[in-house]
């Protein structure tokens, strides 16, 4: 599915780390381009590493890239050059709400404790607040999902189905998943 006008109709919250593992920076840049072509504006922390790579892929297709950070943040470094808008949240909780309250999709890639915090919030949000598709993209995120499932941290139950959560190994799988979401052929 390729949009011709590239006007974002939806928003994706992308959670990804600043220290990419082998090949994941290339995947992040591809993911940014795939999401932009599918009509998603990008929202992430705005920093370097995988976030910057995804932003680089997205801006090539003319979509906005919003950094969501803390107003009184610690020294997390400068925002990357691809950020077009910045949202300064007063608290970490408000920052998570700025990501999730109107997001149409969450894509999480490998990262550190910050990415894990954001992903955990997204999974909770999707099970307790409202329907929200969450996608784990790339080998690192897929390994995390397998570990969490094996250790019982991600367990499906009648009151907490996990049908919103998908593991996607690469950009091709992301492209196919976005086509399915756009066609409304699956639940989030």
N, C-alpha and C. Protein backbone atom coordinates (compact mmCIF):
# COMPACT_ATOMS: atom_id res chain seq x y z
N UNK A 1 0.84 -1.17 0.00
CA UNK A 1 0.00 0.00 0.00
C UNK A 1 0.89 1.23 0.00
N UNK A 2 0.84 2.02 -1.05
CA UNK A 2 1.61 3.24 -1.12
C UNK A 2 0.67 4.41 -1.35
N UNK A 3 0.77 5.39 -0.49
CA UNK A 3 -0.03 6.60 -0.66
C UNK A 3 0.70 7.50 -1.64
N UNK A 4 -0.05 8.25 -2.41
CA UNK A 4 0.59 9.15 -3.37
C UNK A 4 0.76 10.56 -2.84
N UNK A 5 -0.11 10.99 -1.92
CA UNK A 5 0.00 12.36 -1.42
C UNK A 5 0.86 12.47 -0.16
N UNK A 6 1.12 11.38 0.51
CA UNK A 6 1.94 11.31 1.71
C UNK A 6 1.46 12.22 2.83
N UNK A 7 0.21 12.64 2.77
CA UNK A 7 -0.35 13.42 3.85
C UNK A 7 -0.73 12.47 4.98
N UNK A 8 -0.09 12.61 6.13
CA UNK A 8 -0.38 11.66 7.21
C UNK A 8 -1.84 11.73 7.65
N UNK A 9 -2.43 10.58 7.74
CA UNK A 9 -3.80 10.47 8.21
C UNK A 9 -3.84 9.84 9.60
N UNK A 10 -2.73 9.24 10.00
CA UNK A 10 -2.65 8.53 11.27
C UNK A 10 -1.31 8.85 11.92
N UNK A 11 -1.21 8.45 13.18
CA UNK A 11 0.03 8.68 13.93
C UNK A 11 0.55 7.37 14.49
N UNK A 12 1.85 7.16 14.37
CA UNK A 12 2.50 6.00 14.96
C UNK A 12 3.43 6.49 16.06
N UNK A 13 3.34 5.85 17.21
CA UNK A 13 4.32 6.08 18.28
C UNK A 13 5.39 5.02 18.10
N UNK A 14 6.62 5.45 17.86
CA UNK A 14 7.72 4.52 17.63
C UNK A 14 8.65 4.58 18.83
N UNK A 15 8.82 3.44 19.48
CA UNK A 15 9.72 3.35 20.62
C UNK A 15 10.94 2.58 20.19
N UNK A 16 12.10 3.21 20.32
CA UNK A 16 13.33 2.58 19.87
C UNK A 16 14.51 3.19 20.62
N UNK A 17 15.57 2.44 20.71
CA UNK A 17 16.72 2.85 21.50
C UNK A 17 17.71 3.73 20.78
N UNK A 18 18.67 4.21 21.58
CA UNK A 18 19.71 5.08 21.05
C UNK A 18 20.97 4.32 20.67
N UNK A 19 21.06 3.05 21.06
CA UNK A 19 22.24 2.24 20.72
C UNK A 19 21.76 1.06 19.88
N UNK A 20 21.78 1.22 18.56
CA UNK A 20 21.26 0.14 17.71
C UNK A 20 22.20 -1.06 17.66
N UNK A 21 21.60 -2.25 17.61
CA UNK A 21 22.37 -3.46 17.39
C UNK A 21 22.58 -3.63 15.89
N UNK A 22 23.39 -4.59 15.50
CA UNK A 22 23.73 -4.80 14.10
C UNK A 22 22.51 -4.85 13.20
N UNK A 23 22.50 -4.01 12.18
CA UNK A 23 21.45 -4.02 11.17
C UNK A 23 20.16 -3.33 11.56
N UNK A 24 19.97 -3.01 12.84
CA UNK A 24 18.70 -2.44 13.24
C UNK A 24 18.55 -0.97 12.83
N UNK A 25 19.65 -0.26 12.63
CA UNK A 25 19.54 1.13 12.16
C UNK A 25 18.99 1.14 10.73
N UNK A 26 19.44 0.22 9.91
CA UNK A 26 18.92 0.11 8.54
C UNK A 26 17.44 -0.24 8.59
N UNK A 27 17.07 -1.16 9.47
CA UNK A 27 15.66 -1.54 9.63
C UNK A 27 14.83 -0.35 10.10
N UNK A 28 15.34 0.43 11.04
CA UNK A 28 14.60 1.59 11.55
C UNK A 28 14.37 2.61 10.44
N UNK A 29 15.37 2.86 9.63
CA UNK A 29 15.21 3.81 8.52
C UNK A 29 14.17 3.29 7.52
N UNK A 30 14.24 2.01 7.21
CA UNK A 30 13.24 1.41 6.33
C UNK A 30 11.85 1.50 6.93
N UNK A 31 11.75 1.24 8.24
CA UNK A 31 10.45 1.31 8.91
C UNK A 31 9.88 2.72 8.85
N UNK A 32 10.72 3.73 9.06
CA UNK A 32 10.25 5.11 8.97
C UNK A 32 9.68 5.40 7.59
N UNK A 33 10.35 4.92 6.55
CA UNK A 33 9.87 5.13 5.18
C UNK A 33 8.57 4.37 4.93
N UNK A 34 8.51 3.11 5.38
CA UNK A 34 7.30 2.29 5.20
C UNK A 34 6.11 2.95 5.89
N UNK A 35 6.30 3.38 7.12
CA UNK A 35 5.21 4.02 7.87
C UNK A 35 4.76 5.33 7.19
N UNK A 36 5.71 6.11 6.73
CA UNK A 36 5.37 7.37 6.05
C UNK A 36 4.58 7.11 4.77
N UNK A 37 5.04 6.15 3.98
CA UNK A 37 4.33 5.84 2.74
C UNK A 37 2.93 5.32 3.00
N UNK A 38 2.73 4.71 4.17
CA UNK A 38 1.40 4.20 4.54
C UNK A 38 0.53 5.29 5.16
N UNK A 39 1.04 6.50 5.28
CA UNK A 39 0.24 7.61 5.78
C UNK A 39 0.33 7.87 7.27
N UNK A 40 1.42 7.43 7.90
CA UNK A 40 1.60 7.66 9.34
C UNK A 40 2.60 8.78 9.59
N UNK A 41 2.21 9.73 10.43
CA UNK A 41 3.15 10.69 10.98
C UNK A 41 3.90 9.98 12.10
N UNK A 42 5.13 10.37 12.34
CA UNK A 42 5.99 9.68 13.30
C UNK A 42 6.09 10.48 14.59
N UNK A 43 5.95 9.78 15.70
CA UNK A 43 6.11 10.38 17.03
C UNK A 43 7.07 9.48 17.81
N UNK A 44 8.16 10.07 18.32
CA UNK A 44 9.11 9.31 19.13
C UNK A 44 9.86 10.27 20.04
N UNK A 45 10.86 9.77 20.74
CA UNK A 45 11.60 10.59 21.69
C UNK A 45 12.39 11.72 21.06
N UNK A 46 12.75 11.57 19.79
CA UNK A 46 13.44 12.64 19.08
C UNK A 46 14.95 12.61 19.16
N UNK A 47 15.50 11.56 19.73
CA UNK A 47 16.94 11.54 19.94
C UNK A 47 17.65 10.76 18.84
N UNK A 48 18.85 10.30 19.12
CA UNK A 48 19.68 9.66 18.09
C UNK A 48 19.39 8.16 18.00
N UNK A 49 20.28 7.43 17.39
CA UNK A 49 20.14 5.98 17.27
C UNK A 49 19.00 5.58 16.36
N UNK A 50 18.22 4.60 16.81
CA UNK A 50 17.11 4.10 15.99
C UNK A 50 16.04 5.16 15.75
N UNK A 51 15.83 6.03 16.74
CA UNK A 51 14.84 7.11 16.55
C UNK A 51 15.25 8.01 15.38
N UNK A 52 16.51 8.38 15.33
CA UNK A 52 16.99 9.24 14.25
C UNK A 52 16.91 8.52 12.91
N UNK A 53 17.27 7.26 12.88
CA UNK A 53 17.20 6.49 11.63
C UNK A 53 15.76 6.42 11.12
N UNK A 54 14.80 6.14 12.01
CA UNK A 54 13.39 6.09 11.60
C UNK A 54 12.93 7.45 11.11
N UNK A 55 13.34 8.51 11.79
CA UNK A 55 12.96 9.86 11.37
C UNK A 55 13.53 10.19 9.99
N UNK A 56 14.76 9.78 9.74
CA UNK A 56 15.39 10.01 8.44
C UNK A 56 14.58 9.32 7.33
N UNK A 57 14.13 8.11 7.58
CA UNK A 57 13.31 7.41 6.60
C UNK A 57 11.96 8.07 6.40
N UNK A 58 11.38 8.59 7.47
CA UNK A 58 10.04 9.21 7.38
C UNK A 58 10.08 10.56 6.67
N UNK A 59 11.07 11.39 6.99
CA UNK A 59 11.07 12.74 6.41
C UNK A 59 11.33 12.73 4.91
N UNK A 60 11.95 11.69 4.41
CA UNK A 60 12.14 11.58 2.95
C UNK A 60 10.80 11.54 2.22
N UNK A 61 9.75 11.21 2.95
CA UNK A 61 8.41 11.13 2.36
C UNK A 61 7.51 12.26 2.83
N UNK A 62 8.11 13.28 3.43
CA UNK A 62 7.39 14.51 3.75
C UNK A 62 6.44 14.45 4.93
N UNK A 63 6.58 13.47 5.82
CA UNK A 63 5.68 13.41 6.96
C UNK A 63 6.33 14.09 8.16
N UNK A 64 5.52 14.63 9.06
CA UNK A 64 6.09 15.25 10.25
C UNK A 64 6.66 14.23 11.22
N UNK A 65 7.68 14.66 11.94
CA UNK A 65 8.31 13.85 12.98
C UNK A 65 8.23 14.66 14.27
N UNK A 66 7.47 14.15 15.21
CA UNK A 66 7.28 14.84 16.49
C UNK A 66 8.11 14.18 17.57
N UNK A 67 8.91 14.98 18.26
CA UNK A 67 9.65 14.51 19.42
C UNK A 67 8.80 14.76 20.65
N UNK A 68 8.67 13.74 21.49
CA UNK A 68 7.94 13.88 22.75
C UNK A 68 8.96 13.67 23.86
N UNK A 69 9.23 14.73 24.61
CA UNK A 69 10.26 14.67 25.64
C UNK A 69 9.76 15.37 26.90
N UNK A 70 10.57 15.39 27.91
CA UNK A 70 10.19 16.03 29.16
C UNK A 70 10.56 17.51 29.13
N UNK A 71 9.70 18.34 29.72
CA UNK A 71 9.96 19.78 29.78
C UNK A 71 11.23 20.06 30.59
N UNK A 72 11.36 19.43 31.73
CA UNK A 72 12.55 19.59 32.57
C UNK A 72 13.37 18.32 32.52
N UNK A 73 13.77 17.97 31.32
CA UNK A 73 14.44 16.70 31.11
C UNK A 73 15.89 16.73 31.57
N UNK A 74 16.37 15.57 31.92
CA UNK A 74 17.81 15.48 32.18
C UNK A 74 18.56 15.70 30.86
N UNK A 75 19.84 15.72 30.91
CA UNK A 75 20.61 15.94 29.69
C UNK A 75 20.61 14.67 28.84
N UNK A 76 19.58 14.54 28.01
CA UNK A 76 19.48 13.40 27.12
C UNK A 76 20.12 13.69 25.78
N UNK A 77 20.72 14.86 25.62
CA UNK A 77 21.34 15.23 24.37
C UNK A 77 20.39 16.02 23.49
N UNK A 78 20.92 16.47 22.36
CA UNK A 78 20.14 17.27 21.42
C UNK A 78 19.16 16.39 20.66
N UNK A 79 18.06 16.99 20.24
CA UNK A 79 17.12 16.28 19.37
C UNK A 79 17.76 16.10 18.00
N UNK A 80 17.34 15.06 17.29
CA UNK A 80 17.94 14.84 15.98
C UNK A 80 17.43 15.87 14.97
N UNK A 81 18.16 16.04 13.89
CA UNK A 81 17.89 17.09 12.91
C UNK A 81 16.60 16.88 12.12
N UNK A 82 15.98 15.72 12.22
CA UNK A 82 14.78 15.43 11.44
C UNK A 82 13.48 15.78 12.15
N UNK A 83 13.57 16.16 13.42
CA UNK A 83 12.39 16.51 14.20
C UNK A 83 11.78 17.80 13.65
N UNK A 84 10.47 17.77 13.41
CA UNK A 84 9.77 18.95 12.88
C UNK A 84 8.94 19.65 13.94
N UNK A 85 8.56 18.94 15.00
CA UNK A 85 7.75 19.49 16.08
C UNK A 85 8.19 18.84 17.39
N UNK A 86 8.15 19.62 18.47
CA UNK A 86 8.50 19.06 19.77
C UNK A 86 7.37 19.29 20.75
N UNK A 87 7.05 18.24 21.50
CA UNK A 87 6.07 18.31 22.59
C UNK A 87 6.86 18.14 23.88
N UNK A 88 6.72 19.11 24.78
CA UNK A 88 7.40 19.05 26.07
C UNK A 88 6.37 18.69 27.13
N UNK A 89 6.47 17.49 27.67
CA UNK A 89 5.53 17.01 28.68
C UNK A 89 6.07 17.36 30.07
N UNK A 90 5.18 17.70 31.01
CA UNK A 90 5.63 18.08 32.35
C UNK A 90 6.10 16.90 33.22
N UNK A 91 5.60 15.69 32.93
CA UNK A 91 5.96 14.51 33.72
C UNK A 91 6.12 13.32 32.79
N UNK A 92 6.72 12.27 33.32
CA UNK A 92 6.87 11.05 32.51
C UNK A 92 5.50 10.47 32.18
N UNK A 93 4.57 10.51 33.10
CA UNK A 93 3.22 10.02 32.82
C UNK A 93 2.56 10.81 31.70
N UNK A 94 2.71 12.13 31.74
CA UNK A 94 2.15 12.97 30.67
C UNK A 94 2.84 12.68 29.35
N UNK A 95 4.12 12.37 29.40
CA UNK A 95 4.86 12.03 28.18
C UNK A 95 4.28 10.76 27.56
N UNK A 96 4.02 9.75 28.38
CA UNK A 96 3.44 8.52 27.86
C UNK A 96 2.05 8.77 27.29
N UNK A 97 1.26 9.60 27.95
CA UNK A 97 -0.06 9.94 27.41
C UNK A 97 0.07 10.69 26.08
N UNK A 98 1.07 11.55 25.96
CA UNK A 98 1.27 12.28 24.71
C UNK A 98 1.58 11.33 23.56
N UNK A 99 2.26 10.24 23.86
CA UNK A 99 2.50 9.20 22.85
C UNK A 99 1.23 8.43 22.51
N UNK A 100 0.51 8.00 23.53
CA UNK A 100 -0.48 6.94 23.37
C UNK A 100 -1.92 7.39 23.20
N UNK A 101 -2.30 8.53 23.74
CA UNK A 101 -3.72 8.89 23.77
C UNK A 101 -4.38 8.96 22.39
N UNK A 102 -3.67 9.43 21.39
CA UNK A 102 -4.28 9.49 20.06
C UNK A 102 -3.48 8.74 19.00
N UNK A 103 -2.56 7.88 19.44
CA UNK A 103 -1.79 7.07 18.48
C UNK A 103 -2.71 6.05 17.83
N UNK A 104 -2.45 5.79 16.58
CA UNK A 104 -3.19 4.77 15.85
C UNK A 104 -2.45 3.44 15.82
N UNK A 105 -1.16 3.49 16.15
CA UNK A 105 -0.30 2.32 16.08
C UNK A 105 0.92 2.57 16.95
N UNK A 106 1.44 1.53 17.57
CA UNK A 106 2.72 1.59 18.28
C UNK A 106 3.64 0.59 17.61
N UNK A 107 4.86 1.02 17.31
CA UNK A 107 5.90 0.14 16.80
C UNK A 107 7.08 0.26 17.76
N UNK A 108 7.52 -0.86 18.31
CA UNK A 108 8.65 -0.87 19.22
C UNK A 108 9.78 -1.68 18.63
N UNK A 109 10.98 -1.14 18.77
CA UNK A 109 12.19 -1.83 18.32
C UNK A 109 13.10 -2.02 19.52
N UNK A 110 14.28 -2.53 19.28
CA UNK A 110 15.24 -2.73 20.35
C UNK A 110 15.62 -1.43 21.03
N UNK A 111 15.98 -1.53 22.27
CA UNK A 111 16.38 -0.33 23.01
C UNK A 111 16.78 -0.69 24.42
N UNK A 112 16.83 0.32 25.24
CA UNK A 112 17.22 0.15 26.63
C UNK A 112 16.02 0.24 27.56
N UNK A 113 16.29 0.65 28.78
CA UNK A 113 15.25 0.68 29.80
C UNK A 113 14.15 1.69 29.44
N UNK A 114 14.48 2.78 28.77
CA UNK A 114 13.46 3.75 28.35
C UNK A 114 12.50 3.14 27.35
N UNK A 115 13.02 2.43 26.38
CA UNK A 115 12.18 1.76 25.39
C UNK A 115 11.32 0.69 26.06
N UNK A 116 11.89 -0.03 26.98
CA UNK A 116 11.13 -1.05 27.70
C UNK A 116 9.99 -0.42 28.50
N UNK A 117 10.25 0.72 29.12
CA UNK A 117 9.22 1.44 29.87
C UNK A 117 8.09 1.86 28.94
N UNK A 118 8.43 2.41 27.80
CA UNK A 118 7.42 2.86 26.83
C UNK A 118 6.62 1.69 26.29
N UNK A 119 7.30 0.60 25.96
CA UNK A 119 6.62 -0.59 25.45
C UNK A 119 5.67 -1.17 26.50
N UNK A 120 6.12 -1.25 27.74
CA UNK A 120 5.27 -1.76 28.81
C UNK A 120 4.02 -0.90 28.95
N UNK A 121 4.19 0.41 28.89
CA UNK A 121 3.03 1.32 28.96
C UNK A 121 2.08 1.07 27.79
N UNK A 122 2.62 0.87 26.60
CA UNK A 122 1.79 0.63 25.42
C UNK A 122 1.01 -0.68 25.54
N UNK A 123 1.66 -1.72 26.03
CA UNK A 123 0.98 -3.01 26.20
C UNK A 123 -0.13 -2.88 27.23
N UNK A 124 0.15 -2.21 28.34
CA UNK A 124 -0.90 -2.00 29.35
C UNK A 124 -2.04 -1.18 28.75
N UNK A 125 -1.70 -0.11 28.04
CA UNK A 125 -2.69 0.77 27.43
C UNK A 125 -3.61 -0.04 26.50
N UNK A 126 -3.00 -0.91 25.69
CA UNK A 126 -3.77 -1.69 24.71
C UNK A 126 -4.64 -2.76 25.37
N UNK A 127 -4.31 -3.16 26.59
CA UNK A 127 -5.13 -4.17 27.26
C UNK A 127 -6.14 -3.57 28.22
N UNK A 128 -5.92 -2.34 28.67
CA UNK A 128 -6.78 -1.79 29.72
C UNK A 128 -7.48 -0.47 29.37
N UNK A 129 -6.96 0.27 28.40
CA UNK A 129 -7.51 1.60 28.12
C UNK A 129 -8.35 1.60 26.85
N UNK A 130 -7.74 1.24 25.73
CA UNK A 130 -8.46 1.20 24.45
C UNK A 130 -7.70 0.30 23.48
N UNK A 131 -8.40 -0.11 22.47
CA UNK A 131 -7.80 -0.95 21.44
C UNK A 131 -6.69 -0.17 20.73
N UNK A 132 -5.51 -0.76 20.69
CA UNK A 132 -4.36 -0.10 20.07
C UNK A 132 -3.42 -1.17 19.55
N UNK A 133 -3.18 -1.22 18.25
CA UNK A 133 -2.23 -2.22 17.74
C UNK A 133 -0.80 -1.90 18.18
N UNK A 134 -0.11 -2.91 18.67
CA UNK A 134 1.29 -2.79 19.08
C UNK A 134 2.08 -3.79 18.26
N UNK A 135 3.14 -3.31 17.62
CA UNK A 135 3.98 -4.17 16.79
C UNK A 135 5.41 -4.14 17.31
N UNK A 136 5.99 -5.32 17.46
CA UNK A 136 7.38 -5.46 17.87
C UNK A 136 8.17 -5.76 16.60
N UNK A 137 9.07 -4.84 16.26
CA UNK A 137 9.75 -4.90 14.97
C UNK A 137 11.23 -5.19 15.13
N UNK A 138 11.69 -6.19 14.41
CA UNK A 138 13.10 -6.51 14.37
C UNK A 138 13.48 -7.64 15.30
N UNK A 139 14.68 -8.16 15.12
CA UNK A 139 15.12 -9.33 15.88
C UNK A 139 15.19 -9.08 17.38
N UNK A 140 15.64 -7.92 17.81
CA UNK A 140 15.75 -7.66 19.25
C UNK A 140 14.38 -7.62 19.90
N UNK A 141 13.44 -6.91 19.32
CA UNK A 141 12.08 -6.83 19.88
C UNK A 141 11.39 -8.18 19.84
N UNK A 142 11.60 -8.95 18.79
CA UNK A 142 10.99 -10.28 18.70
C UNK A 142 11.56 -11.23 19.76
N UNK A 143 12.87 -11.13 20.03
CA UNK A 143 13.47 -11.94 21.10
C UNK A 143 12.90 -11.55 22.46
N UNK A 144 12.69 -10.24 22.67
CA UNK A 144 12.10 -9.79 23.93
C UNK A 144 10.70 -10.36 24.08
N UNK A 145 9.92 -10.33 23.03
CA UNK A 145 8.57 -10.87 23.08
C UNK A 145 8.59 -12.36 23.42
N UNK A 146 9.47 -13.11 22.78
CA UNK A 146 9.57 -14.55 23.05
C UNK A 146 9.94 -14.80 24.51
N UNK A 147 10.87 -14.01 25.03
CA UNK A 147 11.27 -14.14 26.43
C UNK A 147 10.10 -13.82 27.36
N UNK A 148 9.41 -12.70 27.12
CA UNK A 148 8.30 -12.30 27.98
C UNK A 148 7.17 -13.33 27.97
N UNK A 149 6.92 -13.92 26.82
CA UNK A 149 5.90 -14.96 26.73
C UNK A 149 6.35 -16.22 27.47
N UNK A 150 7.60 -16.62 27.25
CA UNK A 150 8.11 -17.84 27.88
C UNK A 150 8.15 -17.73 29.40
N UNK A 151 8.41 -16.54 29.91
CA UNK A 151 8.51 -16.33 31.35
C UNK A 151 7.19 -15.94 32.00
N UNK A 152 6.13 -15.87 31.20
CA UNK A 152 4.81 -15.58 31.75
C UNK A 152 4.48 -14.12 31.97
N UNK A 153 5.31 -13.21 31.49
CA UNK A 153 5.03 -11.78 31.62
C UNK A 153 3.98 -11.33 30.61
N UNK A 154 3.92 -11.98 29.48
CA UNK A 154 2.88 -11.74 28.47
C UNK A 154 2.05 -13.01 28.39
N UNK A 155 0.92 -13.00 29.05
CA UNK A 155 0.07 -14.17 29.10
C UNK A 155 -1.33 -13.78 28.69
N UNK A 156 -1.86 -14.49 27.74
CA UNK A 156 -3.22 -14.20 27.28
C UNK A 156 -4.22 -14.81 28.24
N UNK A 157 -5.31 -14.06 28.47
CA UNK A 157 -6.40 -14.56 29.29
C UNK A 157 -7.71 -14.08 28.68
N UNK A 158 -8.84 -14.61 29.14
CA UNK A 158 -10.12 -14.14 28.59
C UNK A 158 -10.33 -12.64 28.78
N UNK A 159 -9.80 -12.08 29.85
CA UNK A 159 -9.99 -10.64 30.08
C UNK A 159 -8.85 -9.81 29.52
N UNK A 160 -7.75 -10.43 29.14
CA UNK A 160 -6.60 -9.72 28.58
C UNK A 160 -6.08 -10.45 27.34
N UNK A 161 -6.83 -10.40 26.24
CA UNK A 161 -6.34 -11.04 25.02
C UNK A 161 -5.12 -10.28 24.48
N UNK A 162 -4.27 -10.98 23.79
CA UNK A 162 -3.07 -10.36 23.22
C UNK A 162 -3.16 -10.23 21.70
N UNK A 163 -4.37 -10.17 21.16
CA UNK A 163 -4.52 -10.09 19.71
C UNK A 163 -4.06 -8.76 19.12
N UNK A 164 -3.81 -7.78 19.95
CA UNK A 164 -3.32 -6.48 19.50
C UNK A 164 -1.82 -6.50 19.22
N UNK A 165 -1.13 -7.54 19.67
CA UNK A 165 0.33 -7.61 19.66
C UNK A 165 0.81 -8.54 18.56
N UNK A 166 1.73 -8.05 17.72
CA UNK A 166 2.32 -8.87 16.66
C UNK A 166 3.83 -8.68 16.65
N UNK A 167 4.53 -9.75 16.32
CA UNK A 167 5.98 -9.70 16.14
C UNK A 167 6.27 -9.67 14.65
N UNK A 168 7.04 -8.69 14.24
CA UNK A 168 7.37 -8.51 12.82
C UNK A 168 8.89 -8.52 12.68
N UNK A 169 9.45 -9.48 11.95
CA UNK A 169 10.90 -9.60 11.89
C UNK A 169 11.60 -8.53 11.06
N UNK A 170 10.89 -7.93 10.07
CA UNK A 170 11.58 -7.03 9.15
C UNK A 170 10.61 -6.03 8.51
N UNK A 171 11.14 -5.16 7.66
CA UNK A 171 10.33 -4.12 7.03
C UNK A 171 9.27 -4.70 6.09
N UNK A 172 9.57 -5.82 5.46
CA UNK A 172 8.59 -6.45 4.58
C UNK A 172 7.37 -6.92 5.38
N UNK A 173 7.61 -7.49 6.55
CA UNK A 173 6.51 -7.92 7.41
C UNK A 173 5.72 -6.71 7.90
N UNK A 174 6.40 -5.60 8.19
CA UNK A 174 5.71 -4.37 8.59
C UNK A 174 4.82 -3.88 7.46
N UNK A 175 5.33 -3.87 6.24
CA UNK A 175 4.54 -3.44 5.08
C UNK A 175 3.28 -4.28 4.94
N UNK A 176 3.42 -5.60 5.02
CA UNK A 176 2.27 -6.49 4.89
C UNK A 176 1.28 -6.26 6.03
N UNK A 177 1.77 -6.07 7.24
CA UNK A 177 0.90 -5.84 8.39
C UNK A 177 0.13 -4.53 8.24
N UNK A 178 0.78 -3.49 7.76
CA UNK A 178 0.10 -2.21 7.55
C UNK A 178 -1.00 -2.32 6.50
N UNK A 179 -0.78 -3.14 5.48
CA UNK A 179 -1.83 -3.36 4.47
C UNK A 179 -3.03 -4.05 5.09
N UNK A 180 -2.79 -5.03 5.96
CA UNK A 180 -3.87 -5.71 6.63
C UNK A 180 -4.62 -4.75 7.55
N UNK A 181 -3.88 -3.95 8.31
CA UNK A 181 -4.53 -2.96 9.20
C UNK A 181 -5.37 -1.97 8.39
N UNK A 182 -4.84 -1.49 7.28
CA UNK A 182 -5.54 -0.51 6.46
C UNK A 182 -6.83 -1.09 5.87
N UNK A 183 -6.78 -2.35 5.54
CA UNK A 183 -7.94 -2.99 4.94
C UNK A 183 -8.97 -3.40 6.01
N UNK A 184 -8.58 -3.28 7.28
CA UNK A 184 -9.49 -3.65 8.35
C UNK A 184 -9.74 -5.14 8.44
N UNK A 185 -8.79 -5.93 7.93
CA UNK A 185 -8.99 -7.39 7.87
C UNK A 185 -8.61 -8.09 9.15
N UNK A 186 -8.11 -7.35 10.13
CA UNK A 186 -7.77 -8.02 11.39
C UNK A 186 -8.04 -7.07 12.54
N UNK A 187 -8.11 -7.64 13.71
CA UNK A 187 -8.22 -6.80 14.89
C UNK A 187 -6.87 -6.19 15.15
N UNK A 188 -6.82 -5.15 15.93
CA UNK A 188 -5.54 -4.50 16.20
C UNK A 188 -4.54 -5.49 16.72
